[in-house]
Amino acid sequence: MRPCLVECMEQASGTGAEAAIRTRGLTRYFRTKPAVLDMGFRVERGTVCSILGRNGSGKTTTMRLLLGLLPPTRGRCWLLGEESTRLRPETRARVGYLPEGLPLRPGVRVRQLQAHQARCWKHWNPEVYRSIVHHFDIDPGSKTNQLSRGQRAGLCLALALAPEPELLILDEPTLGLDQVAHRAVLEALVHFAQQRGNTVFIATHQLHDAERISDQLIIMDGGTVRASCSPETLLCRVRAYNLIFDTAPPPRGPLKIRGLLELSRSDRSLRLVLADPDADALTRIRDLGASAVRESELGLQEAVTAFMARTRQSEAAPADTSAPLWR
C-alpha cells in the first residue's frame, strides 16, 4: 500500500455543525475494477475544497456518488447531513452542480434557458444571474451553440449560482478556458465562497488555482485518497532529500523507506521525496552512504505531483505503509 496522508478532521470537529460533505468507506466498482476504493474524508461548511488527481483517478465518480447519481458498491456518503442515496428534494435544492464539459442544450436561446431554470427552482436570485451573465458579456438573445467556451462557462456558472446553493460541486469548470474567462470563473467562485458560509467542492487540474482558493486539498490516485489536508499542512509534511555520492554511484534497486513518494536517480545523485519522514526514515537515508544529504522544501505543485508519481514510484518499495502516516 502506498503512503497516505490524511488529517483527522472528523474527531477535531465532531462537536460542531454537520459537515457539508462526509464519506466513510465509499467504494464503487465497475465490473471488477474499483473506480473509488474505501474513500473517507470530511469537508467542513464554509470552506473551499479542491479534489486533485490525474485523469481516471476517480474524481468524477466521487462527485456522482456524492450527488446520488450513482449507487455505491459499499460504504456511505452524506451531503449537508443527509445520506446521498436518500437525498430529499429540499436537500437537493440546496446543492448546485456543474458537470464537466459545460453541458448546454444546443439551439436554445439564453433567455429561454434562464426562464426554464428559474421555474425549476423554488429560490432564484435574478440579480446573481444577471451580474454573472453581464460579467461574461453574454447576449440573452444568443443561442447556446453561438457562445464562446468562456461564455458557456459563465452561463453554466450563472445557472448554478442563481439558486444560491449552500454547497456548490464543480467538475473541471475552467478546463479549456482562456486566461480572461479562467480568471472570471475563479473570481465568481471566490465571491460565492465568501457569502454566508457557502461551501465549494471543485475538481481541477489547475494546481495554481487550488493553491489560491482552497482551504482543503484532497489528492486522489487510483481511486483512493492519498492526502486530505490543508495546503499548508501538505507543504510542511512533505520533504525532499537530495543525496550526493562523490566516490560511488547511488545504490540500485528498491529502497525500503517509510513514506517514500518519489525517487529519481542520476550518475552521482539520488533525490527522494517523503511524506511525514520519521526518525527511522532519516536513519535509512543516512545509511545509504551519501557524501552529503541536503533537505529542501517543495512547492505545492511538486508535492501534489509526488503523491501521483505512480510510474516513478516503481523503484520505491516503502517498508511498513499498511497504516496512513497520520489520521
C-alpha atoms as a PDB file:
ATOM      1  CA  MET A   1       0.000   0.000   0.000  1.00  0.00           C
ATOM      2  CA  ARG A   2       1.364   3.412  -0.937  1.00  0.00           C
ATOM      3  CA  PRO A   3       1.738   6.192   1.625  1.00  0.00           C
ATOM      4  CA  CYS A   4      -1.381   8.089   2.643  1.00  0.00           C
ATOM      5  CA  LEU A   5      -1.504  11.452   4.330  1.00  0.00           C
ATOM      6  CA  VAL A   6      -4.810  12.310   5.987  1.00  0.00           C
ATOM      7  CA  GLU A   7      -5.611  14.803   8.713  1.00  0.00           C
ATOM      8  CA  CYS A   8      -8.137  13.847  11.372  1.00  0.00           C
ATOM      9  CA  MET A   9     -10.871  16.369  10.646  1.00  0.00           C
ATOM     10  CA  GLU A  10     -13.679  14.075  11.874  1.00  0.00           C
ATOM     11  CA  GLN A  11     -12.666  13.993  15.540  1.00  0.00           C
ATOM     12  CA  ALA A  12     -11.492  17.600  15.560  1.00  0.00           C
ATOM     13  CA  SER A  13     -14.911  18.909  14.564  1.00  0.00           C
ATOM     14  CA  GLY A  14     -17.198  16.206  15.905  1.00  0.00           C
ATOM     15  CA  THR A  15     -18.974  18.588  18.262  1.00  0.00           C
ATOM     16  CA  GLY A  16     -19.624  21.307  15.696  1.00  0.00           C
ATOM     17  CA  ALA A  17     -22.116  21.670  12.884  1.00  0.00           C
ATOM     18  CA  GLU A  18     -22.711  18.810  10.472  1.00  0.00           C
ATOM     19  CA  ALA A  19     -20.108  18.702   7.696  1.00  0.00           C
ATOM     20  CA  ALA A  20     -21.039  19.779   4.188  1.00  0.00           C
ATOM     21  CA  ILE A  21     -19.627  16.502   2.803  1.00  0.00           C
ATOM     22  CA  ARG A  22     -18.682  13.309   4.596  1.00  0.00           C
ATOM     23  CA  THR A  23     -17.745   9.859   3.300  1.00  0.00           C
ATOM     24  CA  ARG A  24     -16.995   6.577   5.046  1.00  0.00           C
ATOM     25  CA  GLY A  25     -15.560   3.546   3.255  1.00  0.00           C
ATOM     26  CA  LEU A  26     -17.035   4.795  -0.019  1.00  0.00           C
ATOM     27  CA  THR A  27     -16.416   2.288  -2.812  1.00  0.00           C
ATOM     28  CA  ARG A  28     -17.678   1.904  -6.362  1.00  0.00           C
ATOM     29  CA  TYR A  29     -16.772  -0.915  -8.738  1.00  0.00           C
ATOM     30  CA  PHE A  30     -17.382  -1.007 -12.465  1.00  0.00           C
ATOM     31  CA  ARG A  31     -17.421  -4.731 -13.156  1.00  0.00           C
ATOM     32  CA  THR A  32     -14.245  -5.935 -11.409  1.00  0.00           C
ATOM     33  CA  LYS A  33     -12.377  -2.620 -11.361  1.00  0.00           C
ATOM     34  CA  PRO A  34     -12.709  -0.196  -8.437  1.00  0.00           C
ATOM     35  CA  ALA A  35     -13.173   3.403  -9.591  1.00  0.00           C
ATOM     36  CA  VAL A  36     -13.314   4.582  -5.962  1.00  0.00           C
ATOM     37  CA  LEU A  37     -11.992   2.448  -3.117  1.00  0.00           C
ATOM     38  CA  ASP A  38     -12.589   2.852   0.648  1.00  0.00           C
ATOM     39  CA  MET A  39     -12.756   6.625   0.455  1.00  0.00           C
ATOM     40  CA  GLY A  40     -13.075   8.534   3.695  1.00  0.00           C
ATOM     41  CA  PHE A  41     -12.903  12.310   4.068  1.00  0.00           C
ATOM     42  CA  ARG A  42     -14.794  15.264   5.503  1.00  0.00           C
ATOM     43  CA  VAL A  43     -15.353  18.779   4.107  1.00  0.00           C
ATOM     44  CA  GLU A  44     -16.435  21.418   6.602  1.00  0.00           C
ATOM     45  CA  ARG A  45     -19.091  24.008   5.828  1.00  0.00           C
ATOM     46  CA  GLY A  46     -17.893  27.381   4.645  1.00  0.00           C
ATOM     47  CA  THR A  47     -14.694  26.045   3.070  1.00  0.00           C
ATOM     48  CA  VAL A  48     -13.302  25.570  -0.426  1.00  0.00           C
ATOM     49  CA  CYS A  49     -12.055  22.037  -1.085  1.00  0.00           C
ATOM     50  CA  SER A  50     -10.189  21.092  -4.268  1.00  0.00           C
ATOM     51  CA  ILE A  51     -10.024  17.461  -5.314  1.00  0.00           C
ATOM     52  CA  LEU A  52      -6.923  16.755  -7.403  1.00  0.00           C
ATOM     53  CA  GLY A  53      -5.847  13.754  -9.440  1.00  0.00           C
ATOM     54  CA  ARG A  54      -4.808  12.559 -12.857  1.00  0.00           C
ATOM     55  CA  ASN A  55      -7.411  11.534 -15.452  1.00  0.00           C
ATOM     56  CA  GLY A  56      -9.127   8.344 -14.348  1.00  0.00           C
ATOM     57  CA  SER A  57      -8.269   8.759 -10.667  1.00  0.00           C
ATOM     58  CA  GLY A  58     -11.948   8.712  -9.620  1.00  0.00           C
ATOM     59  CA  LYS A  59     -12.797  12.404  -9.199  1.00  0.00           C
ATOM     60  CA  THR A  60     -15.926  12.442 -11.382  1.00  0.00           C
ATOM     61  CA  THR A  61     -17.149   9.127  -9.987  1.00  0.00           C
ATOM     62  CA  THR A  62     -16.757  10.562  -6.486  1.00  0.00           C
ATOM     63  CA  MET A  63     -18.922  13.557  -7.385  1.00  0.00           C
ATOM     64  CA  ARG A  64     -21.618  11.385  -8.922  1.00  0.00           C
ATOM     65  CA  LEU A  65     -21.663   9.210  -5.801  1.00  0.00           C
ATOM     66  CA  LEU A  66     -21.944  12.264  -3.559  1.00  0.00           C
ATOM     67  CA  LEU A  67     -24.887  13.566  -5.588  1.00  0.00           C
ATOM     68  CA  GLY A  68     -26.703  10.232  -5.538  1.00  0.00           C
ATOM     69  CA  LEU A  69     -26.366   9.843  -9.313  1.00  0.00           C
ATOM     70  CA  LEU A  70     -24.521   6.541  -8.813  1.00  0.00           C
ATOM     71  CA  PRO A  71     -25.158   3.986  -6.063  1.00  0.00           C
ATOM     72  CA  PRO A  72     -22.059   2.902  -4.117  1.00  0.00           C
ATOM     73  CA  THR A  73     -20.939  -0.703  -4.172  1.00  0.00           C
ATOM     74  CA  ARG A  74     -20.357  -0.308  -0.447  1.00  0.00           C
ATOM     75  CA  GLY A  75     -19.745   2.469   2.032  1.00  0.00           C
ATOM     76  CA  ARG A  76     -21.729   5.644   2.654  1.00  0.00           C
ATOM     77  CA  CYS A  77     -21.621   9.363   1.946  1.00  0.00           C
ATOM     78  CA  TRP A  78     -23.562  12.390   3.164  1.00  0.00           C
ATOM     79  CA  LEU A  79     -24.337  15.853   1.773  1.00  0.00           C
ATOM     80  CA  LEU A  80     -25.422  18.566   4.215  1.00  0.00           C
ATOM     81  CA  GLY A  81     -26.110  15.902   6.824  1.00  0.00           C
ATOM     82  CA  GLU A  82     -28.282  13.682   4.622  1.00  0.00           C
ATOM     83  CA  GLU A  83     -27.243  10.366   3.094  1.00  0.00           C
ATOM     84  CA  SER A  84     -26.616  10.733  -0.631  1.00  0.00           C
ATOM     85  CA  THR A  85     -28.701   7.724  -1.607  1.00  0.00           C
ATOM     86  CA  ARG A  86     -31.730   9.272   0.155  1.00  0.00           C
ATOM     87  CA  LEU A  87     -31.478  12.962  -0.640  1.00  0.00           C
ATOM     88  CA  ARG A  88     -34.821  14.728  -0.339  1.00  0.00           C
ATOM     89  CA  PRO A  89     -35.817  17.299  -2.982  1.00  0.00           C
ATOM     90  CA  GLU A  90     -35.446  20.034  -0.342  1.00  0.00           C
ATOM     91  CA  THR A  91     -31.832  18.996   0.236  1.00  0.00           C
ATOM     92  CA  ARG A  92     -31.059  18.733  -3.478  1.00  0.00           C
ATOM     93  CA  ALA A  93     -32.338  22.303  -3.841  1.00  0.00           C
ATOM     94  CA  ARG A  94     -29.514  23.397  -1.504  1.00  0.00           C
ATOM     95  CA  VAL A  95     -26.843  21.866  -3.759  1.00  0.00           C
ATOM     96  CA  GLY A  96     -25.556  23.255  -7.059  1.00  0.00           C
ATOM     97  CA  TYR A  97     -23.751  21.055  -9.587  1.00  0.00           C
ATOM     98  CA  LEU A  98     -21.717  21.955 -12.662  1.00  0.00           C
ATOM     99  CA  PRO A  99     -20.558  18.814 -14.515  1.00  0.00           C
ATOM    100  CA  GLU A 100     -17.503  18.595 -16.732  1.00  0.00           C
ATOM    101  CA  GLY A 101     -17.900  19.750 -20.327  1.00  0.00           C
ATOM    102  CA  LEU A 102     -20.298  22.654 -19.679  1.00  0.00           C
ATOM    103  CA  PRO A 103     -23.409  20.824 -20.976  1.00  0.00           C
ATOM    104  CA  LEU A 104     -25.988  23.139 -22.538  1.00  0.00           C
ATOM    105  CA  ARG A 105     -28.833  22.194 -24.830  1.00  0.00           C
ATOM    106  CA  PRO A 106     -27.887  23.390 -28.354  1.00  0.00           C
ATOM    107  CA  GLY A 107     -30.120  25.782 -30.266  1.00  0.00           C
ATOM    108  CA  VAL A 108     -31.820  27.205 -27.163  1.00  0.00           C
ATOM    109  CA  ARG A 109     -31.636  30.937 -26.559  1.00  0.00           C
ATOM    110  CA  VAL A 110     -30.038  32.106 -23.332  1.00  0.00           C
ATOM    111  CA  ARG A 111     -33.215  33.881 -22.135  1.00  0.00           C
ATOM    112  CA  GLN A 112     -35.265  30.713 -22.729  1.00  0.00           C
ATOM    113  CA  LEU A 113     -32.816  28.625 -20.744  1.00  0.00           C
ATOM    114  CA  GLN A 114     -32.827  31.166 -17.904  1.00  0.00           C
ATOM    115  CA  ALA A 115     -36.642  31.227 -17.781  1.00  0.00           C
ATOM    116  CA  HIS A 116     -36.829  27.436 -17.729  1.00  0.00           C
ATOM    117  CA  GLN A 117     -34.258  27.134 -14.942  1.00  0.00           C
ATOM    118  CA  ALA A 118     -35.912  29.850 -12.859  1.00  0.00           C
ATOM    119  CA  ARG A 119     -39.199  27.925 -12.959  1.00  0.00           C
ATOM    120  CA  CYS A 120     -37.461  24.728 -11.819  1.00  0.00           C
ATOM    121  CA  TRP A 121     -36.027  26.217  -8.624  1.00  0.00           C
ATOM    122  CA  LYS A 122     -38.003  27.224  -5.562  1.00  0.00           C
ATOM    123  CA  HIS A 123     -35.491  30.024  -4.925  1.00  0.00           C
ATOM    124  CA  TRP A 124     -33.923  32.039  -7.747  1.00  0.00           C
ATOM    125  CA  ASN A 125     -31.927  35.261  -7.392  1.00  0.00           C
ATOM    126  CA  PRO A 126     -32.205  37.158 -10.707  1.00  0.00           C
ATOM    127  CA  GLU A 127     -29.578  39.703  -9.599  1.00  0.00           C
ATOM    128  CA  VAL A 128     -26.958  36.981  -9.150  1.00  0.00           C
ATOM    129  CA  TYR A 129     -27.805  35.560 -12.573  1.00  0.00           C
ATOM    130  CA  ARG A 130     -27.745  38.928 -14.340  1.00  0.00           C
ATOM    131  CA  SER A 131     -24.461  40.031 -12.751  1.00  0.00           C
ATOM    132  CA  ILE A 132     -22.621  36.905 -13.918  1.00  0.00           C
ATOM    133  CA  VAL A 133     -24.146  36.972 -17.413  1.00  0.00           C
ATOM    134  CA  HIS A 134     -23.207  40.639 -17.713  1.00  0.00           C
ATOM    135  CA  HIS A 135     -19.671  39.966 -16.474  1.00  0.00           C
ATOM    136  CA  PHE A 136     -19.170  37.400 -19.245  1.00  0.00           C
ATOM    137  CA  ASP A 137     -20.769  39.698 -21.849  1.00  0.00           C
ATOM    138  CA  ILE A 138     -23.499  37.194 -22.774  1.00  0.00           C
ATOM    139  CA  ASP A 139     -26.340  38.370 -25.016  1.00  0.00           C
ATOM    140  CA  PRO A 140     -29.650  36.917 -23.695  1.00  0.00           C
ATOM    141  CA  GLY A 141     -30.850  36.585 -27.294  1.00  0.00           C
ATOM    142  CA  SER A 142     -27.917  34.382 -28.342  1.00  0.00           C
ATOM    143  CA  LYS A 143     -28.306  30.667 -28.872  1.00  0.00           C
ATOM    144  CA  THR A 144     -26.162  28.420 -26.694  1.00  0.00           C
ATOM    145  CA  ASN A 145     -24.262  26.998 -29.664  1.00  0.00           C
ATOM    146  CA  GLN A 146     -23.252  30.550 -30.656  1.00  0.00           C
ATOM    147  CA  LEU A 147     -21.450  31.228 -27.369  1.00  0.00           C
ATOM    148  CA  SER A 148     -17.689  31.008 -26.897  1.00  0.00           C
ATOM    149  CA  ARG A 149     -16.375  28.417 -24.455  1.00  0.00           C
ATOM    150  CA  GLY A 150     -15.740  31.159 -21.904  1.00  0.00           C
ATOM    151  CA  GLN A 151     -19.313  32.428 -22.268  1.00  0.00           C
ATOM    152  CA  ARG A 152     -20.648  28.874 -21.951  1.00  0.00           C
ATOM    153  CA  ALA A 153     -18.705  28.554 -18.693  1.00  0.00           C
ATOM    154  CA  GLY A 154     -20.140  31.857 -17.494  1.00  0.00           C
ATOM    155  CA  LEU A 155     -23.699  30.870 -18.373  1.00  0.00           C
ATOM    156  CA  CYS A 156     -23.368  27.493 -16.644  1.00  0.00           C
ATOM    157  CA  LEU A 157     -21.961  29.219 -13.583  1.00  0.00           C
ATOM    158  CA  ALA A 158     -24.792  31.768 -13.562  1.00  0.00           C
ATOM    159  CA  LEU A 159     -27.369  28.964 -13.768  1.00  0.00           C
ATOM    160  CA  ALA A 160     -25.630  27.114 -10.915  1.00  0.00           C
ATOM    161  CA  LEU A 161     -25.285  30.134  -8.628  1.00  0.00           C
ATOM    162  CA  ALA A 162     -28.644  31.875  -9.167  1.00  0.00           C
ATOM    163  CA  PRO A 163     -30.467  29.399  -6.850  1.00  0.00           C
ATOM    164  CA  GLU A 164     -27.899  30.416  -4.186  1.00  0.00           C
ATOM    165  CA  PRO A 165     -26.955  26.877  -3.109  1.00  0.00           C
ATOM    166  CA  GLU A 166     -25.258  26.220   0.214  1.00  0.00           C
ATOM    167  CA  LEU A 167     -22.970  23.686  -1.457  1.00  0.00           C
ATOM    168  CA  LEU A 168     -21.564  24.024  -4.979  1.00  0.00           C
ATOM    169  CA  ILE A 169     -19.957  20.998  -6.678  1.00  0.00           C
ATOM    170  CA  LEU A 170     -17.961  21.663  -9.850  1.00  0.00           C
ATOM    171  CA  ASP A 171     -16.130  19.257 -12.146  1.00  0.00           C
ATOM    172  CA  GLU A 172     -13.265  20.987 -14.025  1.00  0.00           C
ATOM    173  CA  PRO A 173     -15.123  24.301 -14.561  1.00  0.00           C
ATOM    174  CA  THR A 174     -12.074  26.121 -16.015  1.00  0.00           C
ATOM    175  CA  LEU A 175     -10.927  23.376 -18.398  1.00  0.00           C
ATOM    176  CA  GLY A 176     -10.086  24.809 -21.822  1.00  0.00           C
ATOM    177  CA  LEU A 177     -10.826  28.445 -20.923  1.00  0.00           C
ATOM    178  CA  ASP A 178      -8.668  31.373 -21.972  1.00  0.00           C
ATOM    179  CA  GLN A 179      -6.964  33.434 -19.252  1.00  0.00           C
ATOM    180  CA  VAL A 180      -9.668  36.096 -19.091  1.00  0.00           C
ATOM    181  CA  ALA A 181     -12.551  33.616 -18.736  1.00  0.00           C
ATOM    182  CA  HIS A 182     -10.484  31.478 -16.375  1.00  0.00           C
ATOM    183  CA  ARG A 183      -9.909  34.412 -14.048  1.00  0.00           C
ATOM    184  CA  ALA A 184     -13.559  35.469 -14.203  1.00  0.00           C
ATOM    185  CA  VAL A 185     -14.734  31.997 -13.151  1.00  0.00           C
ATOM    186  CA  LEU A 186     -12.316  31.946 -10.223  1.00  0.00           C
ATOM    187  CA  GLU A 187     -13.404  35.405  -9.096  1.00  0.00           C
ATOM    188  CA  ALA A 188     -17.041  34.303  -9.141  1.00  0.00           C
ATOM    189  CA  LEU A 189     -16.228  31.186  -7.101  1.00  0.00           C
ATOM    190  CA  VAL A 190     -14.230  33.130  -4.514  1.00  0.00           C
ATOM    191  CA  HIS A 191     -17.082  35.629  -4.175  1.00  0.00           C
ATOM    192  CA  PHE A 192     -19.609  32.803  -3.787  1.00  0.00           C
ATOM    193  CA  ALA A 193     -17.487  31.058  -1.139  1.00  0.00           C
ATOM    194  CA  GLN A 194     -17.323  34.239   0.935  1.00  0.00           C
ATOM    195  CA  GLN A 195     -21.108  34.569   1.032  1.00  0.00           C
ATOM    196  CA  ARG A 196     -22.908  33.254   4.135  1.00  0.00           C
ATOM    197  CA  GLY A 197     -20.550  30.354   4.746  1.00  0.00           C
ATOM    198  CA  ASN A 198     -21.094  28.652   1.395  1.00  0.00           C
ATOM    199  CA  THR A 199     -19.077  25.530   0.554  1.00  0.00           C
ATOM    200  CA  VAL A 200     -17.287  24.806  -2.737  1.00  0.00           C
ATOM    201  CA  PHE A 201     -16.132  21.314  -3.772  1.00  0.00           C
ATOM    202  CA  ILE A 202     -14.181  21.548  -7.023  1.00  0.00           C
ATOM    203  CA  ALA A 203     -12.280  19.052  -9.168  1.00  0.00           C
ATOM    204  CA  THR A 204      -9.428  20.694 -11.036  1.00  0.00           C
ATOM    205  CA  HIS A 205      -6.115  20.047 -12.776  1.00  0.00           C
ATOM    206  CA  GLN A 206      -5.030  23.633 -12.131  1.00  0.00           C
ATOM    207  CA  LEU A 207      -2.724  23.443  -9.112  1.00  0.00           C
ATOM    208  CA  HIS A 208      -2.227  27.201  -9.116  1.00  0.00           C
ATOM    209  CA  ASP A 209      -5.993  27.640  -8.762  1.00  0.00           C
ATOM    210  CA  ALA A 210      -6.150  25.080  -5.957  1.00  0.00           C
ATOM    211  CA  GLU A 211      -3.369  26.811  -4.053  1.00  0.00           C
ATOM    212  CA  ARG A 212      -5.029  30.198  -4.485  1.00  0.00           C
ATOM    213  CA  ILE A 213      -8.586  29.394  -3.399  1.00  0.00           C
ATOM    214  CA  SER A 214      -8.526  26.166  -1.346  1.00  0.00           C
ATOM    215  CA  ASP A 215      -8.813  25.620   2.386  1.00  0.00           C
ATOM    216  CA  GLN A 216      -8.504  21.864   1.887  1.00  0.00           C
ATOM    217  CA  LEU A 217      -6.923  19.590  -0.727  1.00  0.00           C
ATOM    218  CA  ILE A 218      -7.909  16.016  -1.478  1.00  0.00           C
ATOM    219  CA  ILE A 219      -5.400  14.157  -3.645  1.00  0.00           C
ATOM    220  CA  MET A 220      -6.660  11.024  -5.384  1.00  0.00           C
ATOM    221  CA  ASP A 221      -4.758   8.352  -7.265  1.00  0.00           C
ATOM    222  CA  GLY A 222      -6.007   5.001  -8.447  1.00  0.00           C
ATOM    223  CA  GLY A 223      -9.406   5.565  -6.851  1.00  0.00           C
ATOM    224  CA  THR A 224      -8.027   6.127  -3.347  1.00  0.00           C
ATOM    225  CA  VAL A 225      -7.454   9.225  -1.233  1.00  0.00           C
ATOM    226  CA  ARG A 226      -3.718   9.801  -0.910  1.00  0.00           C
ATOM    227  CA  ALA A 227      -3.967  13.040   1.075  1.00  0.00           C
ATOM    228  CA  SER A 228      -6.672  15.144   2.682  1.00  0.00           C
ATOM    229  CA  CYS A 229      -5.352  18.251   4.398  1.00  0.00           C
ATOM    230  CA  SER A 230      -4.775  21.971   4.040  1.00  0.00           C
ATOM    231  CA  PRO A 231      -2.199  23.221   1.502  1.00  0.00           C
ATOM    232  CA  GLU A 232      -0.084  24.484   4.406  1.00  0.00           C
ATOM    233  CA  THR A 233      -0.069  21.069   6.071  1.00  0.00           C
ATOM    234  CA  LEU A 234       0.874  19.356   2.832  1.00  0.00           C
ATOM    235  CA  LEU A 235       3.862  21.651   2.319  1.00  0.00           C
ATOM    236  CA  CYS A 236       5.004  21.247   5.937  1.00  0.00           C
ATOM    237  CA  ARG A 237       4.904  17.464   5.938  1.00  0.00           C
ATOM    238  CA  VAL A 238       6.285  16.561   2.516  1.00  0.00           C
ATOM    239  CA  ARG A 239      10.052  16.973   2.189  1.00  0.00           C
ATOM    240  CA  ALA A 240      12.721  16.373  -0.450  1.00  0.00           C
ATOM    241  CA  TYR A 241      16.178  14.934   0.233  1.00  0.00           C
ATOM    242  CA  ASN A 242      18.992  15.320  -2.291  1.00  0.00           C
ATOM    243  CA  LEU A 243      21.802  12.815  -1.778  1.00  0.00           C
ATOM    244  CA  ILE A 244      25.243  13.379  -3.374  1.00  0.00           C
ATOM    245  CA  PHE A 245      27.620  10.446  -3.946  1.00  0.00           C
ATOM    246  CA  ASP A 246      31.230  11.501  -4.611  1.00  0.00           C
ATOM    247  CA  THR A 247      33.021   8.148  -4.683  1.00  0.00           C
ATOM    248  CA  ALA A 248      30.421   5.635  -5.874  1.00  0.00           C
ATOM    249  CA  PRO A 249      27.137   5.685  -7.757  1.00  0.00           C
ATOM    250  CA  PRO A 250      23.924   5.655  -5.701  1.00  0.00           C
ATOM    251  CA  PRO A 251      22.519   2.242  -4.785  1.00  0.00           C
ATOM    252  CA  ARG A 252      20.256   0.485  -7.246  1.00  0.00           C
ATOM    253  CA  GLY A 253      17.085  -1.434  -6.577  1.00  0.00           C
ATOM    254  CA  PRO A 254      14.052  -0.704  -4.391  1.00  0.00           C
ATOM    255  CA  LEU A 255      14.518   1.416  -1.291  1.00  0.00           C
ATOM    256  CA  LYS A 256      12.534   0.383   1.779  1.00  0.00           C
ATOM    257  CA  ILE A 257      11.894   3.773   3.334  1.00  0.00           C
ATOM    258  CA  ARG A 258       8.608   4.524   5.048  1.00  0.00           C
ATOM    259  CA  GLY A 259       6.686   7.370   3.413  1.00  0.00           C
ATOM    260  CA  LEU A 260       8.688   7.332   0.169  1.00  0.00           C
ATOM    261  CA  LEU A 261       6.640   9.005  -2.562  1.00  0.00           C
ATOM    262  CA  GLU A 262       9.079   9.648  -5.373  1.00  0.00           C
ATOM    263  CA  LEU A 263      12.578   8.587  -6.314  1.00  0.00           C
ATOM    264  CA  SER A 264      14.858   9.811  -9.097  1.00  0.00           C
ATOM    265  CA  ARG A 265      18.482   8.928  -9.857  1.00  0.00           C
ATOM    266  CA  SER A 266      21.426  10.308 -11.801  1.00  0.00           C
ATOM    267  CA  ASP A 267      25.028   9.110 -12.029  1.00  0.00           C
ATOM    268  CA  ARG A 268      26.090  10.651  -8.723  1.00  0.00           C
ATOM    269  CA  SER A 269      22.904  11.756  -7.015  1.00  0.00           C
ATOM    270  CA  LEU A 270      19.649  10.481  -5.619  1.00  0.00           C
ATOM    271  CA  ARG A 271      16.534  12.532  -4.915  1.00  0.00           C
ATOM    272  CA  LEU A 272      13.876  11.248  -2.531  1.00  0.00           C
ATOM    273  CA  VAL A 273      10.521  12.808  -1.692  1.00  0.00           C
ATOM    274  CA  LEU A 274       8.957  11.612   1.567  1.00  0.00           C
ATOM    275  CA  ALA A 275       5.679  12.234   3.339  1.00  0.00           C
ATOM    276  CA  ASP A 276       5.954  12.808   7.077  1.00  0.00           C
ATOM    277  CA  PRO A 277       9.517  11.397   7.437  1.00  0.00           C
ATOM    278  CA  ASP A 278      10.187   9.857  10.852  1.00  0.00           C
ATOM    279  CA  ALA A 279      13.422   9.018  12.653  1.00  0.00           C
ATOM    280  CA  ASP A 280      13.622   5.553  11.069  1.00  0.00           C
ATOM    281  CA  ALA A 281      13.257   7.013   7.561  1.00  0.00           C
ATOM    282  CA  LEU A 282      16.020   9.563   8.217  1.00  0.00           C
ATOM    283  CA  THR A 283      18.299   6.815   9.559  1.00  0.00           C
ATOM    284  CA  ARG A 284      17.732   4.750   6.425  1.00  0.00           C
ATOM    285  CA  ILE A 285      18.583   7.771   4.280  1.00  0.00           C
ATOM    286  CA  ARG A 286      21.860   8.309   6.161  1.00  0.00           C
ATOM    287  CA  ASP A 287      22.699   4.605   5.825  1.00  0.00           C
ATOM    288  CA  LEU A 288      22.690   4.898   2.027  1.00  0.00           C
ATOM    289  CA  GLY A 289      26.254   6.217   2.287  1.00  0.00           C
ATOM    290  CA  ALA A 290      25.903   9.589   0.570  1.00  0.00           C
ATOM    291  CA  SER A 291      28.723  12.128   0.885  1.00  0.00           C
ATOM    292  CA  ALA A 292      26.156  14.855   1.516  1.00  0.00           C
ATOM    293  CA  VAL A 293      22.415  14.988   2.249  1.00  0.00           C
ATOM    294  CA  ARG A 294      20.509  18.207   1.641  1.00  0.00           C
ATOM    295  CA  GLU A 295      16.928  18.619   2.812  1.00  0.00           C
ATOM    296  CA  SER A 296      14.698  21.022   0.879  1.00  0.00           C
ATOM    297  CA  GLU A 297      11.119  22.272   0.853  1.00  0.00           C
ATOM    298  CA  LEU A 298       8.731  21.659  -2.039  1.00  0.00           C
ATOM    299  CA  GLY A 299       6.254  23.879  -3.822  1.00  0.00           C
ATOM    300  CA  LEU A 300       2.637  22.775  -3.907  1.00  0.00           C
ATOM    301  CA  GLN A 301       2.854  21.507  -7.482  1.00  0.00           C
ATOM    302  CA  GLU A 302       5.884  19.341  -6.674  1.00  0.00           C
ATOM    303  CA  ALA A 303       4.259  17.969  -3.515  1.00  0.00           C
ATOM    304  CA  VAL A 304       0.981  17.089  -5.238  1.00  0.00           C
ATOM    305  CA  THR A 305       2.804  15.565  -8.220  1.00  0.00           C
ATOM    306  CA  ALA A 306       4.866  13.384  -5.885  1.00  0.00           C
ATOM    307  CA  PHE A 307       1.689  11.812  -4.491  1.00  0.00           C
ATOM    308  CA  MET A 308       0.597  10.921  -8.021  1.00  0.00           C
ATOM    309  CA  ALA A 309       4.015   9.782  -9.302  1.00  0.00           C
ATOM    310  CA  ARG A 310       2.891   6.221  -9.894  1.00  0.00           C
ATOM    311  CA  THR A 311       5.377   5.375 -12.659  1.00  0.00           C
ATOM    312  CA  ARG A 312       8.380   6.878 -10.921  1.00  0.00           C
ATOM    313  CA  GLN A 313       7.388   5.061  -7.753  1.00  0.00           C
ATOM    314  CA  SER A 314       8.101   1.685  -9.372  1.00  0.00           C
ATOM    315  CA  GLU A 315      11.647   1.647  -7.958  1.00  0.00           C
ATOM    316  CA  ALA A 316      10.467   2.592  -4.483  1.00  0.00           C
ATOM    317  CA  ALA A 317       9.323  -0.090  -2.081  1.00  0.00           C
ATOM    318  CA  PRO A 318       8.247   1.595   1.151  1.00  0.00           C
ATOM    319  CA  ALA A 319       8.510  -0.557   4.232  1.00  0.00           C
ATOM    320  CA  ASP A 320       5.554  -0.668   6.610  1.00  0.00           C
ATOM    321  CA  THR A 321       2.865   1.510   4.998  1.00  0.00           C
ATOM    322  CA  SER A 322      -0.152  -0.536   5.995  1.00  0.00           C
ATOM    323  CA  ALA A 323      -1.355   2.427   8.056  1.00  0.00           C
ATOM    324  CA  PRO A 324      -1.608   6.028   6.867  1.00  0.00           C
ATOM    325  CA  LEU A 325       1.126   8.377   8.019  1.00  0.00           C
ATOM    326  CA  TRP A 326      -1.425  10.267  10.052  1.00  0.00           C
ATOM    327  CA  ARG A 327      -5.160  10.402  10.559  1.00  0.00           C
END
